[in-house]
């Protein structure tokens, strides 16, 4: 076990699967104590087991990031014994339906996606802000290729809007919290293979092929491909980096 994050307490939303689970495992390997915040307690327990079986320290709290009071309660619960110095806003959802579809369904998708991906990020960050300022902490937000583009993913106005918002929030908060020693950055994943999108990848081979034609590394990413940048942005290796987005997209935006 390395020690790039030794002494840190890292809270990771959506840490019960996919990218979040990979980040939790990587942080623990680097010496951080990890708190998994996830609406799915089974997934959170799975991550705890993976971390502890490898010799790391982890615990879990069930959390719906759309519930502002619950976010404050989770932050207060952690603060009873320690202070978070790394926050990863990873929780997110996606649905791909056209704006010209059923009005009720379109409106629900918009409300649900923005509530989790954008409001949820605000709710969690605001709840942990006192701890992060006290520890001169680090915030890592998970954006997307769709923080910039949407061409390869049609029928996703809500998701694209939410991920543009992640980038804007990251830059605005970096500018505001720099005086407190808090660094705020984001990661922009490309197409990452996770259990959550397995069905979408299996049923949309043309979409996957189109993305690969636009990806110089010519492969989908894996959660560990995001975990590396997440460790960098949480560690002192990036001590003079804030307000940035690190693209982990296999080169998608270069073509």
Protein backbone atom coordinates (compact mmCIF):
# COMPACT_ATOMS: atom_id res chain seq x y z
CA UNK A 1 0.00 0.00 0.00
CA UNK A 2 1.37 3.43 -1.00
CA UNK A 3 0.89 6.60 1.01
CA UNK A 4 -0.03 9.40 -1.38
CA UNK A 5 -3.26 9.94 0.54
CA UNK A 6 -2.17 8.84 4.01
CA UNK A 7 -4.06 10.67 6.75
CA UNK A 8 -6.93 11.73 4.50
CA UNK A 9 -10.60 10.96 4.99
CA UNK A 10 -12.28 10.63 1.58
CA UNK A 11 -16.05 10.72 1.05
CA UNK A 12 -17.15 9.32 -2.30
CA UNK A 13 -20.74 9.57 -3.54
CA UNK A 14 -21.92 6.73 -5.74
CA UNK A 15 -19.05 4.69 -4.37
CA UNK A 16 -20.99 1.45 -4.50
CA UNK A 17 -20.33 0.66 -8.16
CA UNK A 18 -18.47 1.51 -11.34
CA UNK A 19 -16.23 4.56 -11.36
CA UNK A 20 -16.98 5.38 -7.73
CA UNK A 21 -16.03 1.90 -6.58
CA UNK A 22 -12.78 2.07 -8.53
CA UNK A 23 -11.92 5.42 -6.96
CA UNK A 24 -12.64 4.11 -3.46
CA UNK A 25 -10.32 1.16 -3.98
CA UNK A 26 -7.55 3.37 -5.38
CA UNK A 27 -7.83 5.89 -2.55
CA UNK A 28 -7.65 3.14 0.06
CA UNK A 29 -4.56 1.67 -1.61
CA UNK A 30 -2.96 5.08 -1.27
CA UNK A 31 -3.67 5.19 2.47
CA UNK A 32 -6.91 7.15 2.72
CA UNK A 33 -9.81 6.11 4.92
CA UNK A 34 -12.82 5.92 2.61
CA UNK A 35 -16.45 6.67 3.41
CA UNK A 36 -18.78 5.32 0.73
CA UNK A 37 -21.95 7.39 0.29
CA UNK A 38 -24.48 5.55 -1.85
CA UNK A 39 -28.24 5.14 -2.14
CA UNK A 40 -27.66 1.42 -2.70
CA UNK A 41 -26.53 -0.14 0.60
CA UNK A 42 -25.70 -3.48 -1.03
CA UNK A 43 -23.30 -1.84 -3.47
CA UNK A 44 -21.76 0.23 -0.68
CA UNK A 45 -21.18 -2.90 1.41
CA UNK A 46 -19.57 -4.58 -1.60
CA UNK A 47 -17.10 -1.69 -1.87
CA UNK A 48 -16.38 -1.80 1.86
CA UNK A 49 -15.63 -5.52 1.56
CA UNK A 50 -13.34 -4.98 -1.43
CA UNK A 51 -11.41 -2.25 0.39
CA UNK A 52 -11.10 -3.99 3.75
CA UNK A 53 -10.18 -7.36 2.23
CA UNK A 54 -7.25 -5.60 0.57
CA UNK A 55 -6.13 -4.14 3.90
CA UNK A 56 -7.72 -0.69 3.59
CA UNK A 57 -10.12 1.21 5.83
CA UNK A 58 -13.69 1.87 4.67
CA UNK A 59 -17.17 2.47 5.99
CA UNK A 60 -20.50 3.24 4.36
CA UNK A 61 -23.50 5.47 4.84
CA UNK A 62 -26.70 5.20 2.84
CA UNK A 63 -27.32 8.54 1.14
CA UNK A 64 -29.70 9.95 -1.45
CA UNK A 65 -27.81 12.99 -2.75
CA UNK A 66 -31.08 14.65 -3.79
CA UNK A 67 -32.11 14.86 -0.10
CA UNK A 68 -30.45 18.02 1.19
CA UNK A 69 -31.22 17.31 4.83
CA UNK A 70 -29.87 13.78 4.52
CA UNK A 71 -26.62 15.18 3.08
CA UNK A 72 -26.26 17.48 6.06
CA UNK A 73 -27.00 14.62 8.44
CA UNK A 74 -24.36 12.42 6.77
CA UNK A 75 -21.77 15.17 7.02
CA UNK A 76 -22.62 15.71 10.69
CA UNK A 77 -22.39 11.97 11.39
CA UNK A 78 -18.89 11.79 9.92
CA UNK A 79 -17.82 15.00 11.68
CA UNK A 80 -18.52 13.41 15.07
CA UNK A 81 -15.26 11.45 14.79
CA UNK A 82 -13.23 12.90 11.90
CA UNK A 83 -13.21 15.53 9.17
CA UNK A 84 -13.42 14.85 5.45
CA UNK A 85 -10.47 16.23 3.49
CA UNK A 86 -11.35 14.72 0.09
CA UNK A 87 -14.80 14.82 -1.47
CA UNK A 88 -15.61 13.05 -4.72
CA UNK A 89 -18.93 13.97 -6.32
CA UNK A 90 -19.45 10.90 -8.47
CA UNK A 91 -23.14 10.01 -8.05
CA UNK A 92 -25.01 10.39 -11.32
CA UNK A 93 -27.69 8.97 -13.57
CA UNK A 94 -28.42 9.09 -17.28
CA UNK A 95 -31.36 8.42 -19.58
CA UNK A 96 -31.43 8.97 -23.32
CA UNK A 97 -34.82 10.09 -24.56
CA UNK A 98 -35.57 12.72 -27.22
CA UNK A 99 -36.97 16.09 -26.20
CA UNK A 100 -39.78 15.54 -28.71
CA UNK A 101 -40.95 12.39 -26.90
CA UNK A 102 -43.78 12.02 -24.42
CA UNK A 103 -43.95 15.36 -22.54
CA UNK A 104 -44.44 13.80 -19.12
CA UNK A 105 -41.52 11.39 -19.60
CA UNK A 106 -39.26 14.13 -20.92
CA UNK A 107 -40.04 16.36 -17.95
CA UNK A 108 -39.45 13.53 -15.48
CA UNK A 109 -36.10 12.67 -17.05
CA UNK A 110 -35.06 16.31 -16.86
CA UNK A 111 -36.08 16.65 -13.21
CA UNK A 112 -34.50 13.36 -12.15
CA UNK A 113 -31.19 13.85 -13.96
CA UNK A 114 -30.68 17.45 -12.89
CA UNK A 115 -31.73 16.56 -9.33
CA UNK A 116 -29.04 13.88 -8.99
CA UNK A 117 -26.24 15.15 -11.22
CA UNK A 118 -26.37 18.86 -10.45
CA UNK A 119 -28.45 19.52 -7.33
CA UNK A 120 -26.94 16.43 -5.71
CA UNK A 121 -23.42 17.73 -6.29
CA UNK A 122 -24.40 21.03 -4.69
CA UNK A 123 -26.16 19.36 -1.75
CA UNK A 124 -23.21 17.17 -0.85
CA UNK A 125 -20.56 19.84 -1.39
CA UNK A 126 -22.45 22.39 0.68
CA UNK A 127 -22.95 19.87 3.48
CA UNK A 128 -19.22 19.10 3.70
CA UNK A 129 -17.96 22.62 3.05
CA UNK A 130 -17.04 23.43 6.66
CA UNK A 131 -15.00 20.23 6.95
CA UNK A 132 -13.24 20.83 3.64
CA UNK A 133 -12.34 24.39 4.55
CA UNK A 134 -11.04 23.25 7.94
CA UNK A 135 -8.84 20.59 6.34
CA UNK A 136 -7.84 22.69 3.32
CA UNK A 137 -9.33 19.83 1.36
CA UNK A 138 -9.79 18.72 -2.22
CA UNK A 139 -12.99 18.29 -4.25
CA UNK A 140 -13.08 16.07 -7.31
CA UNK A 141 -16.22 16.27 -9.46
CA UNK A 142 -17.00 13.70 -12.12
CA UNK A 143 -17.91 15.41 -15.37
CA UNK A 144 -17.96 13.80 -18.80
CA UNK A 145 -17.07 14.19 -22.43
CA UNK A 146 -20.54 15.72 -22.44
CA UNK A 147 -19.23 18.58 -20.34
CA UNK A 148 -18.13 19.79 -23.80
CA UNK A 149 -19.80 17.80 -26.57
CA UNK A 150 -22.98 15.88 -27.29
CA UNK A 151 -22.76 14.89 -30.95
CA UNK A 152 -22.01 11.20 -30.37
CA UNK A 153 -24.77 10.89 -27.80
CA UNK A 154 -28.07 12.20 -29.19
CA UNK A 155 -31.25 12.34 -27.14
CA UNK A 156 -29.48 13.41 -23.97
CA UNK A 157 -30.26 17.09 -23.43
CA UNK A 158 -30.70 16.71 -19.67
CA UNK A 159 -27.50 14.74 -19.15
CA UNK A 160 -25.46 17.08 -21.35
CA UNK A 161 -26.84 20.08 -19.48
CA UNK A 162 -26.00 18.50 -16.13
CA UNK A 163 -22.42 17.73 -17.13
CA UNK A 164 -21.88 21.22 -18.51
CA UNK A 165 -23.08 22.33 -15.07
CA UNK A 166 -20.49 20.14 -13.35
CA UNK A 167 -17.73 21.95 -15.21
CA UNK A 168 -19.19 25.38 -14.43
CA UNK A 169 -19.63 24.52 -10.76
CA UNK A 170 -16.06 23.24 -10.59
CA UNK A 171 -14.57 26.42 -12.00
CA UNK A 172 -16.76 28.76 -9.96
CA UNK A 173 -16.06 26.94 -6.71
CA UNK A 174 -12.32 26.78 -7.41
CA UNK A 175 -12.27 30.55 -7.79
CA UNK A 176 -14.24 31.05 -4.57
CA UNK A 177 -12.49 28.54 -2.32
CA UNK A 178 -8.90 29.07 -3.40
CA UNK A 179 -8.37 31.56 -0.58
CA UNK A 180 -9.28 28.80 1.88
CA UNK A 181 -6.75 26.40 0.40
CA UNK A 182 -9.48 24.17 -1.04
CA UNK A 183 -8.76 22.85 -4.52
CA UNK A 184 -11.65 21.96 -6.84
CA UNK A 185 -11.14 19.97 -10.03
CA UNK A 186 -13.06 17.61 -12.28
CA UNK A 187 -12.49 14.51 -14.38
CA UNK A 188 -14.09 14.04 -17.80
CA UNK A 189 -14.50 10.33 -18.49
CA UNK A 190 -15.16 8.98 -21.94
CA UNK A 191 -17.01 5.73 -22.51
CA UNK A 192 -16.24 3.67 -19.39
CA UNK A 193 -17.23 0.02 -19.09
CA UNK A 194 -19.29 -0.46 -15.93
CA UNK A 195 -22.12 -2.74 -14.87
CA UNK A 196 -24.51 0.21 -15.02
CA UNK A 197 -24.04 0.74 -18.76
CA UNK A 198 -23.48 -2.91 -19.72
CA UNK A 199 -26.96 -3.32 -21.20
CA UNK A 200 -26.73 -0.04 -23.13
CA UNK A 201 -23.40 -1.11 -24.61
CA UNK A 202 -24.73 -4.55 -25.49
CA UNK A 203 -27.86 -3.23 -27.20
CA UNK A 204 -26.23 -0.28 -28.98
CA UNK A 205 -23.16 -1.67 -30.77
CA UNK A 206 -23.34 1.07 -33.39
CA UNK A 207 -23.02 3.71 -30.68
CA UNK A 208 -20.01 1.96 -29.17
CA UNK A 209 -18.42 1.61 -32.61
CA UNK A 210 -18.99 5.30 -33.36
CA UNK A 211 -17.32 6.30 -30.11
CA UNK A 212 -14.36 4.00 -30.76
CA UNK A 213 -13.86 5.51 -34.24
CA UNK A 214 -13.50 8.84 -32.43
CA UNK A 215 -11.16 7.48 -29.73
CA UNK A 216 -7.44 7.33 -30.64
CA UNK A 217 -6.70 4.71 -27.96
CA UNK A 218 -9.38 2.56 -29.62
CA UNK A 219 -10.83 0.99 -26.48
CA UNK A 220 -13.44 1.80 -23.87
CA UNK A 221 -12.14 2.89 -20.50
CA UNK A 222 -12.36 1.00 -17.22
CA UNK A 223 -13.00 2.39 -13.73
CA UNK A 224 -9.29 2.19 -12.94
CA UNK A 225 -8.63 4.57 -15.83
CA UNK A 226 -10.53 7.21 -13.87
CA UNK A 227 -9.10 6.20 -10.50
CA UNK A 228 -5.59 7.28 -11.50
CA UNK A 229 -6.54 10.89 -12.27
CA UNK A 230 -8.71 10.91 -9.14
CA UNK A 231 -5.70 9.99 -7.00
CA UNK A 232 -3.60 12.67 -8.69
CA UNK A 233 -6.20 15.39 -8.10
CA UNK A 234 -6.67 14.40 -4.45
CA UNK A 235 -2.95 14.17 -3.67
CA UNK A 236 -0.26 16.76 -3.14
CA UNK A 237 1.09 15.95 -6.61
CA UNK A 238 -1.55 18.39 -7.86
CA UNK A 239 -0.96 21.01 -5.16
CA UNK A 240 -1.02 23.87 -7.70
CA UNK A 241 -3.91 22.55 -9.78
CA UNK A 242 -7.41 23.92 -9.32
CA UNK A 243 -10.35 24.81 -11.54
CA UNK A 244 -9.32 22.23 -14.13
CA UNK A 245 -10.92 19.23 -15.79
CA UNK A 246 -8.68 16.25 -16.56
CA UNK A 247 -10.02 14.43 -19.59
CA UNK A 248 -9.79 10.65 -19.30
CA UNK A 249 -11.47 9.88 -22.61
CA UNK A 250 -8.91 7.94 -24.62
CA UNK A 251 -8.26 11.05 -26.69
CA UNK A 252 -11.86 11.54 -27.82
CA UNK A 253 -11.67 15.32 -27.82
CA UNK A 254 -8.47 15.40 -29.88
CA UNK A 255 -10.11 14.00 -33.04
